[in-house]
């Protein structure tokens, strides 16, 4: 019976002539069923801006069975698809996504780079520290701010030493994010 439900829901998702609300509900239901057969249809939904949030949230619910395919579509030419895949990987939190996410820190699309920084901070793997430290030298203060936040979530002595230097950044938000990050890390050297 559930297999039949999955087939019906997949057909609703794929039918672009159907009402958007019905399609979003079908996507949500596919996530609730946790059936990996829904993954290809959910990837198609990632291509549509209106469907993307529901699609990546459904992929998060499916979890680990979606990880390998999500990593593969990080190479998509479509920035919306890459961003949706990043958000799903962030929600799943599997550390096998760390290296591919680090590679996306040099993506041509700003939203993709931004999503990769946030995902790396959420996943919290020490392998991302060096790449995030490089982002702190970026001209864009928003990216520096997000990198500082991500480093705070990851923690570690190396993060702490670098973040102390950014307490004197010219941008108030970067200074604040660095201070908050140091507070998350809890390194007593930051008090000095």
N, C-alpha and C. Protein backbone atom coordinates (compact mmCIF):
# COMPACT_ATOMS: atom_id res chain seq x y z
N UNK A 1 0.82 -1.20 0.00
CA UNK A 1 0.00 0.00 0.00
C UNK A 1 0.87 1.26 0.00
N UNK A 2 1.90 1.31 0.88
CA UNK A 2 2.75 2.49 0.93
C UNK A 2 3.48 2.67 -0.40
N UNK A 3 3.91 1.58 -1.02
CA UNK A 3 4.56 1.66 -2.33
C UNK A 3 3.67 2.32 -3.35
N UNK A 4 2.39 1.99 -3.31
CA UNK A 4 1.43 2.63 -4.21
C UNK A 4 1.33 4.12 -3.91
N UNK A 5 1.32 4.45 -2.61
CA UNK A 5 1.25 5.86 -2.21
C UNK A 5 2.46 6.63 -2.74
N UNK A 6 3.64 6.03 -2.64
CA UNK A 6 4.85 6.68 -3.12
C UNK A 6 4.73 6.96 -4.62
N UNK A 7 4.27 5.97 -5.37
CA UNK A 7 4.12 6.15 -6.81
C UNK A 7 3.15 7.28 -7.15
N UNK A 8 2.04 7.35 -6.43
CA UNK A 8 1.03 8.40 -6.65
C UNK A 8 1.63 9.77 -6.32
N UNK A 9 2.31 9.86 -5.19
CA UNK A 9 2.90 11.13 -4.77
C UNK A 9 4.01 11.58 -5.73
N UNK A 10 4.83 10.65 -6.18
CA UNK A 10 5.88 10.98 -7.14
C UNK A 10 5.26 11.53 -8.42
N UNK A 11 4.18 10.91 -8.87
CA UNK A 11 3.49 11.39 -10.07
C UNK A 11 2.97 12.81 -9.87
N UNK A 12 2.46 13.12 -8.68
CA UNK A 12 1.96 14.48 -8.40
C UNK A 12 3.10 15.49 -8.43
N UNK A 13 4.24 15.11 -7.86
CA UNK A 13 5.39 16.01 -7.85
C UNK A 13 5.87 16.30 -9.26
N UNK A 14 5.90 15.28 -10.09
CA UNK A 14 6.41 15.42 -11.46
C UNK A 14 5.46 16.17 -12.38
N UNK A 15 4.18 16.21 -12.02
CA UNK A 15 3.17 16.86 -12.87
C UNK A 15 3.20 18.37 -12.66
N UNK A 16 3.94 19.05 -13.51
CA UNK A 16 4.12 20.50 -13.36
C UNK A 16 2.85 21.29 -13.71
N UNK A 17 1.84 20.61 -14.25
CA UNK A 17 0.57 21.29 -14.53
C UNK A 17 -0.34 21.29 -13.31
N UNK A 18 0.01 20.49 -12.31
CA UNK A 18 -0.79 20.38 -11.09
C UNK A 18 -0.61 21.65 -10.25
N UNK A 19 -1.54 21.88 -9.37
CA UNK A 19 -1.51 23.02 -8.46
C UNK A 19 -0.24 22.97 -7.60
N UNK A 20 0.41 24.12 -7.42
CA UNK A 20 1.67 24.17 -6.66
C UNK A 20 1.48 23.71 -5.22
N UNK A 21 0.38 24.07 -4.60
CA UNK A 21 0.13 23.67 -3.22
C UNK A 21 -0.01 22.16 -3.12
N UNK A 22 -0.67 21.56 -4.09
CA UNK A 22 -0.82 20.10 -4.11
C UNK A 22 0.54 19.44 -4.28
N UNK A 23 1.36 19.99 -5.16
CA UNK A 23 2.70 19.43 -5.39
C UNK A 23 3.57 19.55 -4.14
N UNK A 24 3.51 20.70 -3.47
CA UNK A 24 4.29 20.89 -2.23
C UNK A 24 3.83 19.91 -1.17
N UNK A 25 2.53 19.69 -1.06
CA UNK A 25 2.03 18.72 -0.08
C UNK A 25 2.49 17.31 -0.43
N UNK A 26 2.52 16.99 -1.71
CA UNK A 26 3.01 15.67 -2.15
C UNK A 26 4.49 15.51 -1.78
N UNK A 27 5.27 16.56 -1.97
CA UNK A 27 6.69 16.54 -1.59
C UNK A 27 6.84 16.30 -0.09
N UNK A 28 6.06 17.04 0.68
CA UNK A 28 6.10 16.90 2.15
C UNK A 28 5.74 15.48 2.56
N UNK A 29 4.71 14.93 1.94
CA UNK A 29 4.29 13.56 2.27
C UNK A 29 5.36 12.54 1.90
N UNK A 30 6.06 12.76 0.79
CA UNK A 30 7.16 11.86 0.42
C UNK A 30 8.25 11.87 1.49
N UNK A 31 8.54 13.03 2.03
CA UNK A 31 9.52 13.10 3.12
C UNK A 31 9.04 12.36 4.35
N UNK A 32 7.76 12.49 4.64
CA UNK A 32 7.20 11.82 5.83
C UNK A 32 7.21 10.30 5.68
N UNK A 33 7.13 9.79 4.46
CA UNK A 33 7.14 8.35 4.22
C UNK A 33 8.56 7.78 4.33
N UNK A 34 9.57 8.62 4.11
CA UNK A 34 10.98 8.21 4.22
C UNK A 34 11.37 7.12 3.22
N UNK A 35 10.82 7.16 2.04
CA UNK A 35 11.11 6.13 1.04
C UNK A 35 12.11 6.67 0.03
N UNK A 36 13.24 5.98 -0.12
CA UNK A 36 14.31 6.47 -0.99
C UNK A 36 13.90 6.48 -2.47
N UNK A 37 12.83 5.77 -2.83
CA UNK A 37 12.37 5.82 -4.23
C UNK A 37 11.91 7.22 -4.62
N UNK A 38 11.66 8.08 -3.64
CA UNK A 38 11.21 9.44 -3.92
C UNK A 38 12.36 10.37 -4.30
N UNK A 39 13.59 9.96 -4.07
CA UNK A 39 14.74 10.85 -4.25
C UNK A 39 14.81 11.47 -5.65
N UNK A 40 14.69 10.71 -6.74
CA UNK A 40 14.77 11.35 -8.07
C UNK A 40 13.70 12.44 -8.29
N UNK A 41 12.49 12.19 -7.83
CA UNK A 41 11.44 13.20 -7.98
C UNK A 41 11.73 14.44 -7.14
N UNK A 42 12.30 14.22 -5.96
CA UNK A 42 12.64 15.35 -5.10
C UNK A 42 13.78 16.17 -5.70
N UNK A 43 14.71 15.51 -6.39
CA UNK A 43 15.76 16.24 -7.08
C UNK A 43 15.18 17.11 -8.19
N UNK A 44 14.19 16.59 -8.89
CA UNK A 44 13.53 17.39 -9.93
C UNK A 44 12.88 18.62 -9.29
N UNK A 45 12.29 18.42 -8.12
CA UNK A 45 11.63 19.53 -7.43
C UNK A 45 12.62 20.58 -6.96
N UNK A 46 13.86 20.17 -6.70
CA UNK A 46 14.89 21.15 -6.30
C UNK A 46 15.14 22.18 -7.40
N UNK A 47 14.86 21.83 -8.64
CA UNK A 47 15.09 22.73 -9.77
C UNK A 47 14.09 23.88 -9.82
N UNK A 48 13.00 23.75 -9.10
CA UNK A 48 11.96 24.78 -9.12
C UNK A 48 12.02 25.58 -7.82
N UNK A 49 12.18 26.86 -7.97
CA UNK A 49 12.34 27.73 -6.81
C UNK A 49 11.19 27.56 -5.80
N UNK A 50 9.96 27.48 -6.30
CA UNK A 50 8.79 27.38 -5.41
C UNK A 50 8.73 26.05 -4.68
N UNK A 51 9.38 25.05 -5.20
CA UNK A 51 9.33 23.70 -4.62
C UNK A 51 10.57 23.39 -3.78
N UNK A 52 11.60 24.22 -3.91
CA UNK A 52 12.91 23.87 -3.35
C UNK A 52 12.88 23.62 -1.84
N UNK A 53 12.27 24.51 -1.09
CA UNK A 53 12.30 24.35 0.37
C UNK A 53 11.63 23.04 0.79
N UNK A 54 10.47 22.75 0.24
CA UNK A 54 9.79 21.50 0.58
C UNK A 54 10.64 20.30 0.16
N UNK A 55 11.30 20.41 -1.00
CA UNK A 55 12.11 19.29 -1.50
C UNK A 55 13.31 19.02 -0.61
N UNK A 56 14.05 20.06 -0.23
CA UNK A 56 15.22 19.77 0.60
C UNK A 56 14.81 19.33 2.00
N UNK A 57 13.68 19.81 2.50
CA UNK A 57 13.22 19.34 3.80
C UNK A 57 12.80 17.87 3.74
N UNK A 58 12.19 17.46 2.62
CA UNK A 58 11.82 16.05 2.44
C UNK A 58 13.08 15.19 2.34
N UNK A 59 14.09 15.69 1.65
CA UNK A 59 15.36 14.94 1.53
C UNK A 59 16.03 14.79 2.89
N UNK A 60 15.93 15.81 3.73
CA UNK A 60 16.47 15.73 5.09
C UNK A 60 15.77 14.59 5.85
N UNK A 61 14.46 14.50 5.69
CA UNK A 61 13.71 13.44 6.38
C UNK A 61 14.09 12.05 5.87
N UNK A 62 14.37 11.95 4.58
CA UNK A 62 14.81 10.66 4.03
C UNK A 62 16.19 10.32 4.58
N UNK A 63 17.03 11.34 4.74
CA UNK A 63 18.30 11.17 5.44
C UNK A 63 19.40 10.50 4.67
N UNK A 64 20.09 9.61 5.33
CA UNK A 64 21.31 8.99 4.81
C UNK A 64 21.17 8.35 3.42
N UNK A 65 20.06 7.73 3.09
CA UNK A 65 19.96 7.17 1.73
C UNK A 65 20.08 8.22 0.62
N UNK A 66 19.87 9.50 0.96
CA UNK A 66 19.93 10.56 -0.04
C UNK A 66 21.32 11.19 -0.16
N UNK A 67 22.21 10.94 0.79
CA UNK A 67 23.49 11.66 0.87
C UNK A 67 24.34 11.49 -0.39
N UNK A 68 24.57 10.29 -0.82
CA UNK A 68 25.45 10.06 -1.97
C UNK A 68 24.93 10.78 -3.21
N UNK A 69 23.64 10.71 -3.43
CA UNK A 69 23.05 11.40 -4.60
C UNK A 69 23.10 12.92 -4.44
N UNK A 70 22.90 13.39 -3.22
CA UNK A 70 22.99 14.84 -2.98
C UNK A 70 24.41 15.35 -3.25
N UNK A 71 25.40 14.61 -2.82
CA UNK A 71 26.78 15.00 -3.09
C UNK A 71 27.02 15.04 -4.60
N UNK A 72 26.48 14.09 -5.32
CA UNK A 72 26.67 14.04 -6.77
C UNK A 72 26.05 15.26 -7.46
N UNK A 73 24.88 15.70 -6.99
CA UNK A 73 24.25 16.84 -7.68
C UNK A 73 24.82 18.19 -7.26
N UNK A 74 25.79 18.18 -6.35
CA UNK A 74 26.48 19.44 -6.05
C UNK A 74 27.23 19.95 -7.28
N UNK A 75 27.40 19.09 -8.28
CA UNK A 75 28.08 19.47 -9.52
C UNK A 75 27.10 19.97 -10.59
N UNK A 76 25.84 20.08 -10.25
CA UNK A 76 24.83 20.55 -11.19
C UNK A 76 25.20 21.94 -11.71
N UNK A 77 24.83 22.22 -12.94
CA UNK A 77 25.06 23.56 -13.50
C UNK A 77 24.05 24.56 -12.95
N UNK A 78 22.99 24.07 -12.35
CA UNK A 78 21.92 24.91 -11.82
C UNK A 78 22.24 25.29 -10.37
N UNK A 79 22.45 26.58 -10.13
CA UNK A 79 22.80 27.06 -8.79
C UNK A 79 21.69 26.80 -7.78
N UNK A 80 20.44 26.87 -8.22
CA UNK A 80 19.32 26.61 -7.31
C UNK A 80 19.37 25.16 -6.82
N UNK A 81 19.71 24.24 -7.71
CA UNK A 81 19.82 22.83 -7.34
C UNK A 81 20.98 22.64 -6.37
N UNK A 82 22.13 23.27 -6.67
CA UNK A 82 23.29 23.14 -5.77
C UNK A 82 22.95 23.67 -4.38
N UNK A 83 22.29 24.82 -4.33
CA UNK A 83 21.94 25.41 -3.04
C UNK A 83 20.97 24.52 -2.26
N UNK A 84 19.97 23.97 -2.94
CA UNK A 84 19.03 23.07 -2.28
C UNK A 84 19.70 21.81 -1.77
N UNK A 85 20.63 21.27 -2.55
CA UNK A 85 21.37 20.08 -2.13
C UNK A 85 22.22 20.38 -0.90
N UNK A 86 22.83 21.56 -0.88
CA UNK A 86 23.64 21.96 0.28
C UNK A 86 22.78 22.03 1.53
N UNK A 87 21.61 22.63 1.41
CA UNK A 87 20.72 22.75 2.57
C UNK A 87 20.26 21.38 3.07
N UNK A 88 20.01 20.47 2.14
CA UNK A 88 19.64 19.11 2.54
C UNK A 88 20.80 18.43 3.25
N UNK A 89 22.00 18.56 2.70
CA UNK A 89 23.18 17.96 3.33
C UNK A 89 23.43 18.57 4.70
N UNK A 90 23.22 19.85 4.83
CA UNK A 90 23.37 20.51 6.13
C UNK A 90 22.40 19.90 7.14
N UNK A 91 21.15 19.71 6.71
CA UNK A 91 20.15 19.15 7.60
C UNK A 91 20.42 17.71 7.98
N UNK A 92 20.98 16.95 7.06
CA UNK A 92 21.31 15.54 7.35
C UNK A 92 22.54 15.47 8.24
N UNK A 93 23.52 16.34 7.96
CA UNK A 93 24.70 16.45 8.82
C UNK A 93 25.76 15.39 8.65
N UNK A 94 25.75 14.68 7.55
CA UNK A 94 26.74 13.62 7.34
C UNK A 94 28.09 14.22 6.97
N UNK A 95 29.12 13.77 7.64
CA UNK A 95 30.47 14.33 7.44
C UNK A 95 31.08 13.98 6.08
N UNK A 96 30.52 13.04 5.36
CA UNK A 96 31.05 12.73 4.02
C UNK A 96 30.83 13.88 3.05
N UNK A 97 29.99 14.84 3.43
CA UNK A 97 29.73 15.99 2.57
C UNK A 97 30.74 17.12 2.77
N UNK A 98 31.60 17.02 3.76
CA UNK A 98 32.49 18.13 4.11
C UNK A 98 33.41 18.54 2.95
N UNK A 99 34.15 17.61 2.39
CA UNK A 99 35.08 17.95 1.30
C UNK A 99 34.36 18.55 0.09
N UNK A 100 33.25 17.93 -0.38
CA UNK A 100 32.52 18.55 -1.49
C UNK A 100 32.00 19.96 -1.15
N UNK A 101 31.60 20.17 0.09
CA UNK A 101 31.14 21.50 0.50
C UNK A 101 32.30 22.50 0.53
N UNK A 102 33.45 22.06 0.98
CA UNK A 102 34.63 22.94 0.96
C UNK A 102 34.92 23.38 -0.48
N UNK A 103 34.79 22.47 -1.43
CA UNK A 103 35.02 22.81 -2.84
C UNK A 103 34.05 23.88 -3.33
N UNK A 104 32.84 23.91 -2.76
CA UNK A 104 31.84 24.89 -3.19
C UNK A 104 32.08 26.29 -2.62
N UNK A 105 33.05 26.43 -1.73
CA UNK A 105 33.37 27.76 -1.21
C UNK A 105 33.97 28.65 -2.30
N UNK A 106 34.34 28.05 -3.44
CA UNK A 106 34.87 28.80 -4.58
C UNK A 106 33.88 28.84 -5.73
N UNK A 107 32.62 28.47 -5.48
CA UNK A 107 31.59 28.46 -6.51
C UNK A 107 31.38 29.87 -7.07
N UNK A 108 30.93 29.95 -8.30
CA UNK A 108 30.67 31.25 -8.93
C UNK A 108 29.44 31.94 -8.35
N UNK A 109 28.53 31.17 -7.77
CA UNK A 109 27.28 31.72 -7.26
C UNK A 109 27.40 32.09 -5.77
N UNK A 110 27.07 33.33 -5.44
CA UNK A 110 27.19 33.81 -4.07
C UNK A 110 26.32 33.01 -3.11
N UNK A 111 25.08 32.73 -3.48
CA UNK A 111 24.17 31.99 -2.60
C UNK A 111 24.68 30.59 -2.31
N UNK A 112 25.31 29.98 -3.29
CA UNK A 112 25.89 28.64 -3.11
C UNK A 112 27.05 28.72 -2.12
N UNK A 113 27.93 29.71 -2.30
CA UNK A 113 29.06 29.86 -1.36
C UNK A 113 28.56 30.11 0.06
N UNK A 114 27.56 30.97 0.17
CA UNK A 114 27.00 31.31 1.47
C UNK A 114 26.38 30.07 2.14
N UNK A 115 25.62 29.30 1.37
CA UNK A 115 25.00 28.09 1.91
C UNK A 115 26.07 27.08 2.33
N UNK A 116 27.16 26.99 1.57
CA UNK A 116 28.24 26.05 1.91
C UNK A 116 28.90 26.44 3.24
N UNK A 117 29.11 27.73 3.46
CA UNK A 117 29.70 28.19 4.73
C UNK A 117 28.79 27.79 5.89
N UNK A 118 27.50 28.06 5.75
CA UNK A 118 26.57 27.73 6.82
C UNK A 118 26.52 26.22 7.08
N UNK A 119 26.51 25.44 6.00
CA UNK A 119 26.45 23.99 6.14
C UNK A 119 27.69 23.45 6.83
N UNK A 120 28.84 23.97 6.48
CA UNK A 120 30.08 23.51 7.11
C UNK A 120 30.07 23.80 8.60
N UNK A 121 29.56 24.96 8.98
CA UNK A 121 29.47 25.28 10.41
C UNK A 121 28.51 24.35 11.13
N UNK A 122 27.40 24.03 10.50
CA UNK A 122 26.41 23.14 11.12
C UNK A 122 26.94 21.72 11.24
N UNK A 123 27.59 21.23 10.20
CA UNK A 123 28.13 19.86 10.24
C UNK A 123 29.24 19.76 11.28
N UNK A 124 30.05 20.82 11.39
CA UNK A 124 31.00 20.93 12.49
C UNK A 124 32.22 20.04 12.42
N UNK A 125 32.75 19.84 11.25
CA UNK A 125 33.93 18.99 11.08
C UNK A 125 35.19 19.86 11.04
N UNK A 126 36.22 19.45 11.77
CA UNK A 126 37.47 20.21 11.84
C UNK A 126 38.14 20.39 10.48
N UNK A 127 37.87 19.51 9.52
CA UNK A 127 38.49 19.63 8.19
C UNK A 127 38.11 20.94 7.50
N UNK A 128 37.03 21.57 7.92
CA UNK A 128 36.57 22.80 7.28
C UNK A 128 37.26 24.05 7.82
N UNK A 129 37.97 23.94 8.92
CA UNK A 129 38.53 25.13 9.58
C UNK A 129 39.43 25.94 8.66
N UNK A 130 40.39 25.31 7.98
CA UNK A 130 41.31 26.05 7.12
C UNK A 130 40.60 26.82 6.02
N UNK A 131 39.62 26.19 5.39
CA UNK A 131 38.87 26.84 4.32
C UNK A 131 38.04 28.01 4.85
N UNK A 132 37.46 27.83 6.04
CA UNK A 132 36.67 28.91 6.64
C UNK A 132 37.56 30.07 7.08
N UNK A 133 38.75 29.77 7.55
CA UNK A 133 39.69 30.83 7.91
C UNK A 133 40.03 31.66 6.67
N UNK A 134 40.19 31.00 5.53
CA UNK A 134 40.45 31.73 4.28
C UNK A 134 39.30 32.69 3.94
N UNK A 135 38.08 32.29 4.25
CA UNK A 135 36.91 33.14 3.99
C UNK A 135 36.97 34.40 4.85
N UNK A 136 37.57 34.31 6.03
CA UNK A 136 37.68 35.49 6.90
C UNK A 136 38.49 36.61 6.24
N UNK A 137 39.28 36.28 5.24
CA UNK A 137 40.05 37.29 4.52
C UNK A 137 39.32 37.81 3.28
N UNK A 138 38.08 37.38 3.09
CA UNK A 138 37.26 37.80 1.97
C UNK A 138 36.91 39.28 2.10
N UNK A 139 36.75 39.97 0.98
CA UNK A 139 36.36 41.38 1.02
C UNK A 139 34.93 41.57 1.49
N UNK A 140 34.09 40.58 1.27
CA UNK A 140 32.67 40.65 1.60
C UNK A 140 32.48 40.43 3.10
N UNK A 141 32.01 41.46 3.80
CA UNK A 141 31.86 41.37 5.25
C UNK A 141 30.80 40.35 5.66
N UNK A 142 29.77 40.16 4.84
CA UNK A 142 28.75 39.17 5.17
C UNK A 142 29.34 37.76 5.16
N UNK A 143 30.20 37.48 4.18
CA UNK A 143 30.84 36.17 4.14
C UNK A 143 31.80 36.00 5.32
N UNK A 144 32.52 37.07 5.69
CA UNK A 144 33.42 37.00 6.84
C UNK A 144 32.61 36.72 8.12
N UNK A 145 31.49 37.40 8.24
CA UNK A 145 30.60 37.24 9.38
C UNK A 145 30.13 35.78 9.49
N UNK A 146 29.68 35.22 8.37
CA UNK A 146 29.19 33.83 8.36
C UNK A 146 30.31 32.83 8.64
N UNK A 147 31.49 33.14 8.13
CA UNK A 147 32.64 32.25 8.39
C UNK A 147 33.00 32.26 9.87
N UNK A 148 32.95 33.44 10.49
CA UNK A 148 33.23 33.53 11.93
C UNK A 148 32.21 32.71 12.73
N UNK A 149 30.95 32.83 12.35
CA UNK A 149 29.90 32.05 13.02
C UNK A 149 30.16 30.55 12.86
N UNK A 150 30.50 30.15 11.65
CA UNK A 150 30.75 28.73 11.38
C UNK A 150 31.94 28.23 12.20
N UNK A 151 33.00 29.02 12.28
CA UNK A 151 34.16 28.62 13.07
C UNK A 151 33.80 28.48 14.54
N UNK A 152 32.92 29.34 15.02
CA UNK A 152 32.48 29.23 16.41
C UNK A 152 31.74 27.93 16.67
N UNK A 153 30.93 27.50 15.69
CA UNK A 153 30.20 26.24 15.85
C UNK A 153 31.14 25.04 15.80
N UNK A 154 32.20 25.15 15.00
CA UNK A 154 33.15 24.04 14.89
C UNK A 154 34.07 24.01 16.11
N UNK A 155 34.56 25.19 16.51
CA UNK A 155 35.42 25.28 17.69
C UNK A 155 36.87 24.95 17.37
N UNK A 156 37.63 24.73 18.41
CA UNK A 156 39.03 24.36 18.26
C UNK A 156 39.98 25.51 18.47
N UNK A 157 41.18 25.18 18.89
CA UNK A 157 42.22 26.16 19.19
C UNK A 157 42.59 26.99 17.97
N UNK A 158 42.71 26.35 16.81
CA UNK A 158 43.08 27.06 15.59
C UNK A 158 42.03 28.13 15.26
N UNK A 159 40.75 27.77 15.40
CA UNK A 159 39.67 28.74 15.16
C UNK A 159 39.77 29.90 16.13
N UNK A 160 40.01 29.58 17.38
CA UNK A 160 40.08 30.58 18.43
C UNK A 160 41.19 31.59 18.16
N UNK A 161 42.37 31.10 17.82
CA UNK A 161 43.51 32.00 17.57
C UNK A 161 43.22 32.98 16.44
N UNK A 162 42.58 32.52 15.39
CA UNK A 162 42.26 33.37 14.25
C UNK A 162 41.14 34.35 14.60
N UNK A 163 40.12 33.86 15.28
CA UNK A 163 38.98 34.72 15.61
C UNK A 163 39.38 35.88 16.52
N UNK A 164 40.36 35.68 17.38
CA UNK A 164 40.84 36.76 18.25
C UNK A 164 41.31 37.94 17.39
N UNK A 165 41.99 37.65 16.30
CA UNK A 165 42.48 38.71 15.40
C UNK A 165 41.32 39.48 14.78
N UNK A 166 40.19 38.80 14.55
CA UNK A 166 39.07 39.45 13.88
C UNK A 166 38.16 40.22 14.84
N UNK A 167 38.55 40.27 16.10
CA UNK A 167 37.84 41.15 17.04
C UNK A 167 38.11 42.62 16.71
N UNK A 168 39.12 42.86 15.86
CA UNK A 168 39.48 44.22 15.45
C UNK A 168 39.12 44.49 13.99
N UNK A 169 38.27 43.65 13.41
CA UNK A 169 37.87 43.83 12.01
C UNK A 169 37.19 45.19 11.85
N UNK A 170 37.28 45.75 10.66
CA UNK A 170 36.67 47.06 10.41
C UNK A 170 35.15 47.00 10.43
N UNK A 171 34.57 45.82 10.22
CA UNK A 171 33.12 45.68 10.17
C UNK A 171 32.59 45.24 11.54
N UNK A 172 31.62 45.99 12.04
CA UNK A 172 31.03 45.72 13.35
C UNK A 172 30.45 44.31 13.44
N UNK A 173 29.75 43.85 12.39
CA UNK A 173 29.12 42.53 12.42
C UNK A 173 30.16 41.41 12.46
N UNK A 174 31.28 41.61 11.80
CA UNK A 174 32.35 40.61 11.84
C UNK A 174 32.95 40.57 13.24
N UNK A 175 33.16 41.75 13.83
CA UNK A 175 33.68 41.79 15.21
C UNK A 175 32.72 41.08 16.17
N UNK A 176 31.43 41.37 16.01
CA UNK A 176 30.41 40.76 16.88
C UNK A 176 30.35 39.25 16.67
N UNK A 177 30.36 38.81 15.42
CA UNK A 177 30.32 37.37 15.12
C UNK A 177 31.57 36.69 15.68
N UNK A 178 32.71 37.35 15.58
CA UNK A 178 33.95 36.77 16.12
C UNK A 178 33.87 36.64 17.64
N UNK A 179 33.34 37.67 18.30
CA UNK A 179 33.20 37.62 19.76
C UNK A 179 32.22 36.52 20.16
N UNK A 180 31.10 36.43 19.44
CA UNK A 180 30.12 35.38 19.74
C UNK A 180 30.73 33.99 19.52
N UNK A 181 31.49 33.86 18.44
CA UNK A 181 32.12 32.58 18.13
C UNK A 181 33.11 32.19 19.22
N UNK A 182 33.88 33.16 19.68
CA UNK A 182 34.83 32.88 20.76
C UNK A 182 34.09 32.47 22.04
N UNK A 183 32.94 33.07 22.25
CA UNK A 183 32.13 32.67 23.40
C UNK A 183 31.64 31.23 23.28
N UNK A 184 31.27 30.84 22.07
CA UNK A 184 30.84 29.45 21.85
C UNK A 184 31.99 28.47 22.08
N UNK A 185 33.18 28.88 21.64
CA UNK A 185 34.36 28.01 21.79
C UNK A 185 34.75 27.90 23.26
N UNK A 186 34.68 29.04 23.97
CA UNK A 186 34.99 29.03 25.40
C UNK A 186 36.47 29.03 25.72
N UNK A 187 37.30 29.51 24.81
CA UNK A 187 38.74 29.55 25.03
C UNK A 187 39.07 30.73 25.95
N UNK A 188 39.74 30.48 27.04
CA UNK A 188 40.05 31.53 28.02
C UNK A 188 41.02 32.58 27.46
N UNK A 189 41.78 32.24 26.39
CA UNK A 189 42.68 33.23 25.79
C UNK A 189 41.91 34.40 25.20
N UNK A 190 40.67 34.19 24.86
CA UNK A 190 39.87 35.24 24.27
C UNK A 190 39.57 36.35 25.27
N UNK A 191 39.60 36.04 26.54
CA UNK A 191 39.33 37.03 27.57
C UNK A 191 40.48 38.01 27.70
N UNK A 192 41.69 37.52 27.46
CA UNK A 192 42.87 38.35 27.56
C UNK A 192 42.81 39.41 26.51
